[in-house]
Amino acid sequence: MAKMDKRAITLKDGIIEIESPKIEDAEELIRFIKTVDIETDFLIREPDEFKFGLEDEQKFIQSKLESERDLFLKATYHGQIVGTLGFAVLTNKRYRHRGQFGIAIQKACWGKGIGKALMETLLEWCEQIGIEKITLEVDANNERAIELYKKYGFEQEGYLKNDKKMSDGSYRDSLIMAKMMIE
């Protein structure tokens, strides 16, 4: 099962706890997702698009806990969920060697090292289970995230022009980045 036990990581100004969410975290996770969807337009959806109810979120958490190769993490700081990381592996034989992930962090916690802690946790876990390639898509304007990914060896593999259409009718480009875990 892709369940990660709690690990405490010391940051610049406190301790963050990273672990797989429990079913009872569903309500707080819904609040977190709705908050970050409002705070930034770097994520994949508009604020009104997240429609999961409590039961949906509980089922989602349970499915991730039961999965052998998908991972869902929460980052807790000062007793509140302030970040999440989701990682999924495709099941087709030709793609089982790789997975794709996304990170969301509450804006008030940007720059505190939470993204770094989640990234290091993911890389360690992927190495343990034999993931050979990790991919992601990131908003081309999200310089902070792009720098984090580059710091951990991710390279740009593609550029998606006009990839996202924003609510104001403008377009945003996305980068496809990846890291090979094997030499």
N, C-alpha and C. Protein backbone atom coordinates (compact mmCIF):
# COMPACT_ATOMS: atom_id res chain seq x y z
N MET A 1 0.84 -1.19 0.00
CA MET A 1 0.00 0.00 0.00
C MET A 1 0.87 1.24 0.00
N ALA A 2 0.40 2.28 -0.67
CA ALA A 2 1.13 3.55 -0.71
C ALA A 2 0.72 4.42 0.46
N LYS A 3 1.06 3.95 1.62
CA LYS A 3 0.76 4.71 2.84
C LYS A 3 2.09 5.11 3.46
N MET A 4 2.25 6.40 3.67
CA MET A 4 3.48 6.88 4.27
C MET A 4 3.21 7.30 5.71
N ASP A 5 4.01 6.76 6.60
CA ASP A 5 3.89 7.14 8.00
C ASP A 5 4.41 8.56 8.21
N LYS A 6 4.01 9.15 9.30
CA LYS A 6 4.37 10.53 9.61
C LYS A 6 5.88 10.68 9.74
N ARG A 7 6.38 11.74 9.11
CA ARG A 7 7.78 12.11 9.28
C ARG A 7 7.84 13.59 9.58
N ALA A 8 8.64 13.95 10.55
CA ALA A 8 8.79 15.35 10.95
C ALA A 8 10.06 15.90 10.31
N ILE A 9 9.92 17.07 9.68
CA ILE A 9 11.04 17.72 9.02
C ILE A 9 11.16 19.13 9.58
N THR A 10 12.36 19.48 10.01
CA THR A 10 12.60 20.80 10.57
C THR A 10 12.81 21.81 9.45
N LEU A 11 12.01 22.87 9.48
CA LEU A 11 12.12 23.96 8.51
C LEU A 11 12.79 25.15 9.18
N LYS A 12 12.88 26.25 8.43
CA LYS A 12 13.49 27.48 8.95
C LYS A 12 12.81 27.97 10.22
N ASP A 13 11.49 27.90 10.25
CA ASP A 13 10.76 28.48 11.39
C ASP A 13 9.70 27.54 11.96
N GLY A 14 10.04 26.26 12.02
CA GLY A 14 9.10 25.32 12.61
C GLY A 14 9.30 23.92 12.07
N ILE A 15 8.41 23.04 12.46
CA ILE A 15 8.47 21.65 12.03
C ILE A 15 7.25 21.35 11.18
N ILE A 16 7.49 20.68 10.07
CA ILE A 16 6.40 20.24 9.20
C ILE A 16 6.29 18.73 9.34
N GLU A 17 5.07 18.24 9.32
CA GLU A 17 4.83 16.80 9.35
C GLU A 17 4.26 16.39 8.00
N ILE A 18 4.87 15.39 7.40
CA ILE A 18 4.41 14.87 6.11
C ILE A 18 3.99 13.43 6.31
N GLU A 19 2.80 13.10 5.79
CA GLU A 19 2.28 11.74 5.90
C GLU A 19 1.12 11.57 4.93
N SER A 20 0.72 10.33 4.74
CA SER A 20 -0.50 10.06 3.98
C SER A 20 -1.70 10.52 4.80
N PRO A 21 -2.67 11.17 4.16
CA PRO A 21 -3.86 11.58 4.91
C PRO A 21 -4.65 10.37 5.38
N LYS A 22 -5.40 10.59 6.43
CA LYS A 22 -6.33 9.58 6.94
C LYS A 22 -7.73 9.96 6.47
N ILE A 23 -8.65 9.01 6.51
CA ILE A 23 -10.03 9.27 6.10
C ILE A 23 -10.59 10.47 6.85
N GLU A 24 -10.27 10.58 8.13
CA GLU A 24 -10.82 11.68 8.94
C GLU A 24 -10.24 13.05 8.58
N ASP A 25 -9.25 13.09 7.68
CA ASP A 25 -8.70 14.37 7.20
C ASP A 25 -9.50 14.94 6.04
N ALA A 26 -10.49 14.22 5.56
CA ALA A 26 -11.21 14.60 4.33
C ALA A 26 -11.78 16.02 4.40
N GLU A 27 -12.44 16.35 5.49
CA GLU A 27 -13.07 17.67 5.59
C GLU A 27 -12.03 18.79 5.54
N GLU A 28 -10.93 18.62 6.26
CA GLU A 28 -9.88 19.65 6.25
C GLU A 28 -9.21 19.73 4.87
N LEU A 29 -9.06 18.59 4.20
CA LEU A 29 -8.48 18.60 2.86
C LEU A 29 -9.37 19.36 1.88
N ILE A 30 -10.67 19.18 1.99
CA ILE A 30 -11.60 19.93 1.12
C ILE A 30 -11.43 21.43 1.35
N ARG A 31 -11.36 21.84 2.60
CA ARG A 31 -11.14 23.27 2.90
C ARG A 31 -9.81 23.76 2.33
N PHE A 32 -8.78 22.95 2.48
CA PHE A 32 -7.46 23.31 1.95
C PHE A 32 -7.53 23.51 0.44
N ILE A 33 -8.11 22.55 -0.26
CA ILE A 33 -8.18 22.62 -1.73
C ILE A 33 -8.95 23.86 -2.17
N LYS A 34 -10.06 24.13 -1.52
CA LYS A 34 -10.85 25.33 -1.87
C LYS A 34 -10.06 26.61 -1.61
N THR A 35 -9.25 26.61 -0.56
CA THR A 35 -8.43 27.78 -0.24
C THR A 35 -7.36 28.00 -1.30
N VAL A 36 -6.59 26.97 -1.63
CA VAL A 36 -5.50 27.17 -2.60
C VAL A 36 -6.03 27.45 -3.99
N ASP A 37 -7.20 26.92 -4.33
CA ASP A 37 -7.79 27.23 -5.63
C ASP A 37 -8.12 28.71 -5.76
N ILE A 38 -8.45 29.36 -4.65
CA ILE A 38 -8.74 30.80 -4.65
C ILE A 38 -7.44 31.60 -4.63
N GLU A 39 -6.44 31.13 -3.90
CA GLU A 39 -5.21 31.90 -3.68
C GLU A 39 -4.31 32.04 -4.89
N THR A 40 -4.33 31.06 -5.78
CA THR A 40 -3.40 31.09 -6.91
C THR A 40 -4.08 30.59 -8.18
N ASP A 41 -3.64 31.13 -9.30
CA ASP A 41 -4.16 30.64 -10.57
C ASP A 41 -3.14 29.72 -11.27
N PHE A 42 -2.15 29.26 -10.52
CA PHE A 42 -1.18 28.32 -11.07
C PHE A 42 -1.70 26.89 -11.11
N LEU A 43 -2.77 26.59 -10.39
CA LEU A 43 -3.30 25.23 -10.33
C LEU A 43 -4.20 24.94 -11.53
N ILE A 44 -4.72 23.72 -11.62
CA ILE A 44 -5.38 23.27 -12.84
C ILE A 44 -6.84 23.67 -12.97
N ARG A 45 -7.43 24.20 -11.92
CA ARG A 45 -8.87 24.46 -12.01
C ARG A 45 -9.20 25.85 -11.47
N GLU A 46 -10.38 26.31 -11.86
CA GLU A 46 -10.94 27.55 -11.32
C GLU A 46 -11.50 27.25 -9.93
N PRO A 47 -11.60 28.25 -9.07
CA PRO A 47 -12.07 28.02 -7.69
C PRO A 47 -13.42 27.31 -7.57
N ASP A 48 -14.31 27.51 -8.51
CA ASP A 48 -15.65 26.91 -8.39
C ASP A 48 -15.73 25.51 -8.99
N GLU A 49 -14.64 24.98 -9.49
CA GLU A 49 -14.68 23.68 -10.18
C GLU A 49 -14.51 22.48 -9.26
N PHE A 50 -13.98 22.66 -8.08
CA PHE A 50 -13.80 21.52 -7.17
C PHE A 50 -15.15 21.17 -6.57
N LYS A 51 -15.64 19.98 -6.87
CA LYS A 51 -17.00 19.59 -6.48
C LYS A 51 -17.06 18.42 -5.51
N PHE A 52 -15.93 17.93 -5.05
CA PHE A 52 -15.95 16.79 -4.14
C PHE A 52 -16.68 17.13 -2.85
N GLY A 53 -17.58 16.24 -2.46
CA GLY A 53 -18.18 16.32 -1.14
C GLY A 53 -17.36 15.47 -0.18
N LEU A 54 -17.79 15.41 1.05
CA LEU A 54 -17.06 14.68 2.08
C LEU A 54 -16.87 13.21 1.71
N GLU A 55 -17.94 12.57 1.27
CA GLU A 55 -17.86 11.15 0.92
C GLU A 55 -16.93 10.92 -0.27
N ASP A 56 -16.98 11.82 -1.26
CA ASP A 56 -16.08 11.71 -2.42
C ASP A 56 -14.62 11.79 -1.99
N GLU A 57 -14.32 12.75 -1.13
CA GLU A 57 -12.94 12.94 -0.67
C GLU A 57 -12.49 11.74 0.17
N GLN A 58 -13.38 11.20 0.99
CA GLN A 58 -13.04 10.02 1.78
C GLN A 58 -12.72 8.83 0.87
N LYS A 59 -13.50 8.64 -0.18
CA LYS A 59 -13.25 7.55 -1.14
C LYS A 59 -11.93 7.77 -1.87
N PHE A 60 -11.64 9.03 -2.23
CA PHE A 60 -10.39 9.34 -2.90
C PHE A 60 -9.20 8.99 -2.00
N ILE A 61 -9.25 9.41 -0.75
CA ILE A 61 -8.18 9.10 0.20
C ILE A 61 -8.01 7.59 0.33
N GLN A 62 -9.12 6.88 0.49
CA GLN A 62 -9.07 5.42 0.63
C GLN A 62 -8.45 4.78 -0.60
N SER A 63 -8.81 5.24 -1.79
CA SER A 63 -8.25 4.66 -3.02
C SER A 63 -6.74 4.87 -3.09
N LYS A 64 -6.26 6.01 -2.63
CA LYS A 64 -4.82 6.27 -2.64
C LYS A 64 -4.11 5.41 -1.60
N LEU A 65 -4.73 5.21 -0.45
CA LEU A 65 -4.13 4.36 0.58
C LEU A 65 -4.04 2.91 0.12
N GLU A 66 -4.98 2.48 -0.70
CA GLU A 66 -5.01 1.10 -1.18
C GLU A 66 -4.13 0.88 -2.41
N SER A 67 -3.77 1.94 -3.09
CA SER A 67 -2.96 1.84 -4.30
C SER A 67 -1.52 1.46 -3.94
N GLU A 68 -0.92 0.62 -4.77
CA GLU A 68 0.46 0.23 -4.53
C GLU A 68 1.45 1.24 -5.09
N ARG A 69 1.05 1.99 -6.12
CA ARG A 69 2.01 2.85 -6.80
C ARG A 69 1.54 4.30 -6.96
N ASP A 70 0.46 4.66 -6.35
CA ASP A 70 0.04 6.06 -6.31
C ASP A 70 0.28 6.56 -4.89
N LEU A 71 0.56 7.83 -4.77
CA LEU A 71 0.88 8.39 -3.47
C LEU A 71 0.14 9.71 -3.29
N PHE A 72 -0.41 9.91 -2.11
CA PHE A 72 -1.06 11.17 -1.76
C PHE A 72 -0.54 11.56 -0.39
N LEU A 73 0.03 12.75 -0.29
CA LEU A 73 0.62 13.23 0.96
C LEU A 73 0.00 14.53 1.40
N LYS A 74 -0.02 14.74 2.70
CA LYS A 74 -0.41 16.03 3.25
C LYS A 74 0.77 16.55 4.05
N ALA A 75 0.92 17.87 4.04
CA ALA A 75 1.94 18.53 4.85
C ALA A 75 1.21 19.35 5.89
N THR A 76 1.51 19.11 7.15
CA THR A 76 0.87 19.81 8.26
C THR A 76 1.90 20.70 8.94
N TYR A 77 1.49 21.95 9.16
CA TYR A 77 2.38 22.95 9.76
C TYR A 77 1.58 23.70 10.80
N HIS A 78 2.07 23.72 12.02
CA HIS A 78 1.35 24.34 13.14
C HIS A 78 -0.08 23.79 13.25
N GLY A 79 -0.23 22.48 13.03
CA GLY A 79 -1.51 21.81 13.22
C GLY A 79 -2.51 21.94 12.08
N GLN A 80 -2.12 22.57 10.97
CA GLN A 80 -3.05 22.73 9.84
C GLN A 80 -2.44 22.16 8.57
N ILE A 81 -3.29 21.61 7.71
CA ILE A 81 -2.83 21.15 6.41
C ILE A 81 -2.51 22.38 5.57
N VAL A 82 -1.25 22.45 5.11
CA VAL A 82 -0.82 23.61 4.32
C VAL A 82 -0.26 23.20 2.96
N GLY A 83 -0.21 21.89 2.69
CA GLY A 83 0.30 21.43 1.41
C GLY A 83 -0.13 20.01 1.13
N THR A 84 -0.19 19.69 -0.16
CA THR A 84 -0.46 18.32 -0.59
C THR A 84 0.42 17.99 -1.78
N LEU A 85 0.63 16.71 -1.97
CA LEU A 85 1.33 16.20 -3.14
C LEU A 85 0.59 14.96 -3.59
N GLY A 86 0.28 14.91 -4.88
CA GLY A 86 -0.34 13.73 -5.46
C GLY A 86 0.55 13.17 -6.55
N PHE A 87 0.74 11.86 -6.55
CA PHE A 87 1.58 11.19 -7.54
C PHE A 87 0.82 9.98 -8.07
N ALA A 88 0.77 9.84 -9.39
CA ALA A 88 0.03 8.73 -9.99
C ALA A 88 0.87 8.08 -11.09
N VAL A 89 0.79 6.76 -11.14
CA VAL A 89 1.47 5.97 -12.16
C VAL A 89 0.40 5.40 -13.09
N LEU A 90 0.65 5.47 -14.38
CA LEU A 90 -0.28 4.86 -15.34
C LEU A 90 -0.15 3.35 -15.27
N THR A 91 -1.20 2.65 -15.64
CA THR A 91 -1.19 1.20 -15.51
C THR A 91 -0.78 0.47 -16.79
N ASN A 92 -0.77 1.16 -17.93
CA ASN A 92 -0.34 0.52 -19.17
C ASN A 92 1.13 0.11 -19.06
N LYS A 93 1.47 -1.07 -19.58
CA LYS A 93 2.82 -1.61 -19.44
C LYS A 93 3.90 -0.63 -19.92
N ARG A 94 3.63 0.07 -21.00
CA ARG A 94 4.63 0.97 -21.56
C ARG A 94 4.87 2.21 -20.70
N TYR A 95 3.99 2.46 -19.76
CA TYR A 95 4.10 3.67 -18.94
C TYR A 95 4.27 3.38 -17.45
N ARG A 96 4.33 2.13 -17.07
CA ARG A 96 4.43 1.78 -15.65
C ARG A 96 5.73 2.24 -15.00
N HIS A 97 6.71 2.57 -15.79
CA HIS A 97 8.01 3.00 -15.25
C HIS A 97 8.00 4.46 -14.80
N ARG A 98 6.91 5.17 -15.09
CA ARG A 98 6.90 6.60 -14.76
C ARG A 98 5.60 7.02 -14.11
N GLY A 99 5.68 8.14 -13.44
CA GLY A 99 4.50 8.71 -12.82
C GLY A 99 4.55 10.22 -12.91
N GLN A 100 3.40 10.83 -12.67
CA GLN A 100 3.28 12.28 -12.75
C GLN A 100 2.78 12.80 -11.41
N PHE A 101 3.25 13.99 -11.03
CA PHE A 101 2.84 14.53 -9.74
C PHE A 101 2.46 16.00 -9.84
N GLY A 102 1.79 16.44 -8.78
CA GLY A 102 1.46 17.85 -8.62
C GLY A 102 1.55 18.20 -7.14
N ILE A 103 1.90 19.45 -6.88
CA ILE A 103 2.02 19.96 -5.52
C ILE A 103 1.14 21.19 -5.39
N ALA A 104 0.50 21.34 -4.24
CA ALA A 104 -0.24 22.57 -3.91
C ALA A 104 0.16 22.98 -2.50
N ILE A 105 0.47 24.26 -2.34
CA ILE A 105 0.87 24.80 -1.04
C ILE A 105 0.11 26.09 -0.78
N GLN A 106 -0.38 26.23 0.43
CA GLN A 106 -1.09 27.45 0.82
C GLN A 106 -0.15 28.64 0.66
N LYS A 107 -0.67 29.72 0.10
CA LYS A 107 0.16 30.88 -0.24
C LYS A 107 0.91 31.44 0.97
N ALA A 108 0.30 31.45 2.13
CA ALA A 108 0.96 31.97 3.33
C ALA A 108 2.22 31.18 3.69
N CYS A 109 2.35 29.98 3.14
CA CYS A 109 3.49 29.11 3.46
C CYS A 109 4.50 29.00 2.32
N TRP A 110 4.30 29.76 1.24
CA TRP A 110 5.28 29.75 0.16
C TRP A 110 6.62 30.24 0.70
N GLY A 111 7.70 29.62 0.26
CA GLY A 111 9.03 30.05 0.65
C GLY A 111 9.51 29.52 2.00
N LYS A 112 8.75 28.68 2.64
CA LYS A 112 9.13 28.15 3.96
C LYS A 112 9.86 26.80 3.87
N GLY A 113 9.94 26.21 2.68
CA GLY A 113 10.60 24.93 2.53
C GLY A 113 9.65 23.75 2.46
N ILE A 114 8.35 24.01 2.40
CA ILE A 114 7.36 22.92 2.37
C ILE A 114 7.41 22.18 1.03
N GLY A 115 7.53 22.92 -0.07
CA GLY A 115 7.66 22.28 -1.38
C GLY A 115 8.91 21.42 -1.44
N LYS A 116 9.99 21.91 -0.90
CA LYS A 116 11.24 21.16 -0.85
C LYS A 116 11.06 19.87 -0.05
N ALA A 117 10.42 19.97 1.10
CA ALA A 117 10.20 18.78 1.94
C ALA A 117 9.33 17.75 1.23
N LEU A 118 8.27 18.20 0.57
CA LEU A 118 7.41 17.29 -0.19
C LEU A 118 8.18 16.65 -1.34
N MET A 119 8.98 17.46 -2.05
CA MET A 119 9.76 16.95 -3.18
C MET A 119 10.75 15.89 -2.73
N GLU A 120 11.47 16.15 -1.66
CA GLU A 120 12.44 15.17 -1.17
C GLU A 120 11.76 13.88 -0.72
N THR A 121 10.60 14.01 -0.12
CA THR A 121 9.84 12.82 0.29
C THR A 121 9.42 12.01 -0.92
N LEU A 122 8.93 12.69 -1.96
CA LEU A 122 8.52 12.00 -3.19
C LEU A 122 9.70 11.30 -3.84
N LEU A 123 10.81 11.99 -4.00
CA LEU A 123 11.97 11.39 -4.67
C LEU A 123 12.47 10.15 -3.92
N GLU A 124 12.50 10.22 -2.62
CA GLU A 124 12.92 9.07 -1.81
C GLU A 124 11.96 7.90 -2.00
N TRP A 125 10.66 8.18 -1.98
CA TRP A 125 9.66 7.13 -2.14
C TRP A 125 9.75 6.51 -3.53
N CYS A 126 9.88 7.35 -4.57
CA CYS A 126 9.97 6.83 -5.94
C CYS A 126 11.19 5.92 -6.11
N GLU A 127 12.28 6.30 -5.50
CA GLU A 127 13.48 5.47 -5.56
C GLU A 127 13.23 4.11 -4.89
N GLN A 128 12.55 4.12 -3.77
CA GLN A 128 12.28 2.88 -3.03
C GLN A 128 11.41 1.92 -3.81
N ILE A 129 10.44 2.43 -4.56
CA ILE A 129 9.53 1.52 -5.27
C ILE A 129 9.92 1.29 -6.73
N GLY A 130 11.01 1.90 -7.18
CA GLY A 130 11.52 1.62 -8.51
C GLY A 130 10.93 2.45 -9.63
N ILE A 131 10.43 3.63 -9.34
CA ILE A 131 9.96 4.52 -10.40
C ILE A 131 11.19 5.02 -11.15
N GLU A 132 11.17 4.93 -12.48
CA GLU A 132 12.33 5.31 -13.28
C GLU A 132 12.27 6.74 -13.79
N LYS A 133 11.06 7.28 -13.96
CA LYS A 133 10.93 8.63 -14.50
C LYS A 133 9.76 9.33 -13.81
N ILE A 134 9.98 10.59 -13.44
CA ILE A 134 8.94 11.40 -12.81
C ILE A 134 8.67 12.59 -13.73
N THR A 135 7.40 12.83 -14.02
CA THR A 135 7.03 13.94 -14.89
C THR A 135 6.07 14.89 -14.19
N LEU A 136 5.94 16.09 -14.76
CA LEU A 136 5.01 17.08 -14.24
C LEU A 136 4.71 18.10 -15.32
N GLU A 137 3.62 18.81 -15.13
CA GLU A 137 3.31 19.99 -15.94
C GLU A 137 3.21 21.15 -14.98
N VAL A 138 3.77 22.30 -15.38
CA VAL A 138 3.78 23.47 -14.52
C VAL A 138 3.47 24.71 -15.36
N ASP A 139 2.71 25.62 -14.79
CA ASP A 139 2.42 26.90 -15.43
C ASP A 139 3.75 27.60 -15.73
N ALA A 140 3.93 28.04 -16.96
CA ALA A 140 5.20 28.66 -17.36
C ALA A 140 5.50 29.93 -16.58
N ASN A 141 4.50 30.53 -15.95
CA ASN A 141 4.71 31.73 -15.14
C ASN A 141 5.07 31.41 -13.69
N ASN A 142 5.01 30.16 -13.29
CA ASN A 142 5.25 29.77 -11.90
C ASN A 142 6.76 29.58 -11.67
N GLU A 143 7.46 30.70 -11.63
CA GLU A 143 8.92 30.67 -11.55
C GLU A 143 9.43 29.98 -10.29
N ARG A 144 8.75 30.20 -9.18
CA ARG A 144 9.18 29.59 -7.91
C ARG A 144 9.16 28.06 -8.03
N ALA A 145 8.09 27.50 -8.58
CA ALA A 145 7.99 26.04 -8.73
C ALA A 145 9.02 25.52 -9.73
N ILE A 146 9.18 26.22 -10.84
CA ILE A 146 10.13 25.79 -11.86
C ILE A 146 11.54 25.72 -11.28
N GLU A 147 11.92 26.73 -10.50
CA GLU A 147 13.24 26.73 -9.86
C GLU A 147 13.39 25.56 -8.89
N LEU A 148 12.34 25.25 -8.14
CA LEU A 148 12.39 24.10 -7.23
C LEU A 148 12.62 22.81 -8.02
N TYR A 149 11.87 22.63 -9.09
CA TYR A 149 12.01 21.41 -9.89
C TYR A 149 13.41 21.30 -10.50
N LYS A 150 13.93 22.40 -11.01
CA LYS A 150 15.28 22.39 -11.58
C LYS A 150 16.32 22.04 -10.51
N LYS A 151 16.13 22.55 -9.32
CA LYS A 151 17.05 22.28 -8.21
C LYS A 151 17.16 20.78 -7.95
N TYR A 152 16.08 20.05 -8.19
CA TYR A 152 16.06 18.61 -7.96
C TYR A 152 16.29 17.80 -9.23
N GLY A 153 16.82 18.44 -10.26
CA GLY A 153 17.24 17.71 -11.45
C GLY A 153 16.20 17.54 -12.53
N PHE A 154 15.07 18.20 -12.41
CA PHE A 154 14.06 18.13 -13.46
C PHE A 154 14.48 19.01 -14.63
N GLU A 155 14.23 18.52 -15.84
CA GLU A 155 14.56 19.27 -17.05
C GLU A 155 13.30 19.47 -17.87
N GLN A 156 13.28 20.56 -18.62
CA GLN A 156 12.14 20.83 -19.49
C GLN A 156 12.20 19.87 -20.67
N GLU A 157 11.08 19.19 -20.93
CA GLU A 157 10.99 18.28 -22.06
C GLU A 157 10.00 18.76 -23.10
N GLY A 158 9.17 19.72 -22.74
CA GLY A 158 8.19 20.21 -23.69
C GLY A 158 7.61 21.55 -23.26
N TYR A 159 6.93 22.17 -24.21
CA TYR A 159 6.31 23.48 -23.97
C TYR A 159 4.93 23.46 -24.61
N LEU A 160 3.91 23.69 -23.83
CA LEU A 160 2.53 23.67 -24.33
C LEU A 160 2.02 25.10 -24.42
N LYS A 161 2.01 25.63 -25.62
CA LYS A 161 1.58 27.01 -25.85
C LYS A 161 0.06 27.11 -25.71
N ASN A 162 -0.40 28.17 -25.05
CA ASN A 162 -1.84 28.40 -24.83
C ASN A 162 -2.51 27.17 -24.22
N ASP A 163 -1.86 26.57 -23.28
CA ASP A 163 -2.32 25.31 -22.69
C ASP A 163 -3.55 25.48 -21.81
N LYS A 164 -3.61 26.57 -21.06
CA LYS A 164 -4.74 26.81 -20.15
C LYS A 164 -5.46 28.08 -20.59
N LYS A 165 -6.77 28.00 -20.62
CA LYS A 165 -7.57 29.20 -20.88
C LYS A 165 -8.13 29.68 -19.55
N MET A 166 -7.74 30.88 -19.18
CA MET A 166 -8.11 31.45 -17.89
C MET A 166 -9.52 32.02 -17.93
N SER A 167 -10.08 32.30 -16.76
CA SER A 167 -11.46 32.79 -16.69
C SER A 167 -11.63 34.15 -17.36
N ASP A 168 -10.55 34.92 -17.49
CA ASP A 168 -10.65 36.23 -18.16
C ASP A 168 -10.47 36.13 -19.68
N GLY A 169 -10.32 34.90 -20.19
CA GLY A 169 -10.18 34.68 -21.62
C GLY A 169 -8.74 34.65 -22.10
N SER A 170 -7.79 34.98 -21.23
CA SER A 170 -6.38 34.93 -21.62
C SER A 170 -5.89 33.47 -21.57
N TYR A 171 -4.73 33.27 -22.15
CA TYR A 171 -4.14 31.93 -22.19
C TYR A 171 -2.84 31.89 -21.40
N ARG A 172 -2.52 30.72 -20.90
CA ARG A 172 -1.26 30.49 -20.20
C ARG A 172 -0.55 29.29 -20.83
N ASP A 173 0.74 29.38 -20.91
CA ASP A 173 1.56 28.28 -21.40
C ASP A 173 1.95 27.37 -20.22
N SER A 174 2.27 26.14 -20.54
CA SER A 174 2.74 25.18 -19.53
C SER A 174 4.04 24.55 -19.99
N LEU A 175 4.86 24.17 -19.03
CA LEU A 175 6.08 23.42 -19.31
C LEU A 175 5.85 21.98 -18.90
N ILE A 176 6.40 21.07 -19.69
CA ILE A 176 6.47 19.67 -19.30
C ILE A 176 7.90 19.45 -18.82
N MET A 177 8.03 18.97 -17.59
CA MET A 177 9.36 18.73 -17.02
C MET A 177 9.43 17.28 -16.55
N ALA A 178 10.64 16.75 -16.51
CA ALA A 178 10.82 15.36 -16.09
C ALA A 178 12.19 15.15 -15.48
N LYS A 179 12.27 14.07 -14.73
CA LYS A 179 13.54 13.65 -14.11
C LYS A 179 13.66 12.15 -14.26
N MET A 180 14.77 11.70 -14.81
CA MET A 180 15.06 10.27 -14.84
C MET A 180 15.68 9.89 -13.50
N MET A 181 15.17 8.82 -12.92
CA MET A 181 15.66 8.37 -11.62
C MET A 181 16.77 7.33 -11.76
N ILE A 182 16.99 6.87 -12.99
CA ILE A 182 18.06 5.90 -13.24
C ILE A 182 19.05 6.52 -14.22
N GLU A 183 20.25 6.06 -14.17
CA GLU A 183 21.30 6.58 -15.08
C GLU A 183 21.35 5.77 -16.34
